[in-house]
C-alpha cells in the first residue's frame, strides 16, 4: 500500500517536471526530449536532479 502511494507520488512529480521542462527550458527540442526521457526513466532521482540542480540553469 505505502509502496503504491510512493510510486504514484513519484510519477506525479516526474510528469510535473516534464511539463515544466517543455514550458520553461531554453534548450532545443532534442534537449527537452532527452531530459524528459531521463526524468521519466529515473523517477525520483530524475526529479531531484532536475529540481535542485537544473531547474534554474536551463
Protein backbone atom coordinates (compact mmCIF):
# COMPACT_ATOMS: atom_id res chain seq x y z
CA UNK A 1 0.00 0.00 0.00
CA UNK A 2 2.65 2.56 1.01
CA UNK A 3 4.80 1.50 -1.95
CA UNK A 4 1.96 2.25 -4.33
CA UNK A 5 1.49 5.70 -2.83
CA UNK A 6 5.21 6.46 -3.14
CA UNK A 7 5.21 5.20 -6.74
CA UNK A 8 2.21 7.36 -7.71
CA UNK A 9 3.73 10.39 -5.98
CA UNK A 10 6.99 9.85 -7.90
CA UNK A 11 5.10 9.55 -11.16
CA UNK A 12 3.21 12.79 -10.49
CA UNK A 13 6.48 14.58 -9.71
CA UNK A 14 8.09 13.24 -12.88
CA UNK A 15 5.17 14.35 -15.04
CA UNK A 16 5.27 17.79 -13.41
CA UNK A 17 8.98 18.01 -14.28
CA UNK A 18 8.33 17.06 -17.89
CA UNK A 19 5.65 19.74 -18.20
CA UNK A 20 7.99 22.26 -16.60
CA UNK A 21 10.80 21.27 -18.99
CA UNK A 22 8.63 21.85 -22.05
CA UNK A 23 7.32 25.18 -20.72
CA UNK A 24 10.47 26.82 -19.39
CA UNK A 25 13.62 25.11 -20.66
CA UNK A 26 15.68 27.19 -23.07
CA UNK A 27 17.36 24.23 -24.77
CA UNK A 28 16.27 22.87 -28.15
CA UNK A 29 13.61 20.29 -28.83
CA UNK A 30 16.07 17.38 -28.79
CA UNK A 31 17.46 18.51 -25.43
CA UNK A 32 13.96 18.79 -23.99
CA UNK A 33 13.06 15.31 -25.21
CA UNK A 34 16.26 13.76 -23.84
CA UNK A 35 15.87 15.50 -20.49
CA UNK A 36 12.25 14.39 -20.29
CA UNK A 37 13.17 10.77 -21.02
CA UNK A 38 15.83 10.87 -18.30
CA UNK A 39 13.44 12.34 -15.75
CA UNK A 40 10.80 9.73 -16.54
CA UNK A 41 13.30 6.85 -16.54
CA UNK A 42 14.76 7.76 -13.16
CA UNK A 43 11.59 9.00 -11.49
CA UNK A 44 12.70 10.18 -8.01
CA UNK A 45 16.38 10.68 -8.88
CA UNK A 46 15.47 12.49 -12.10
CA UNK A 47 13.04 14.70 -10.23
CA UNK A 48 15.63 15.59 -7.58
CA UNK A 49 18.38 16.31 -10.11
CA UNK A 50 16.12 18.46 -12.26
CA UNK A 51 14.51 20.36 -9.41
CA UNK A 52 17.61 21.05 -7.33
CA UNK A 53 20.36 21.28 -9.96
CA UNK A 54 18.97 22.07 -13.39
CA UNK A 55 15.71 23.96 -12.97
CA UNK A 56 17.11 27.48 -12.84
CA UNK A 57 20.05 26.83 -15.18
CA UNK A 58 18.36 25.57 -18.33
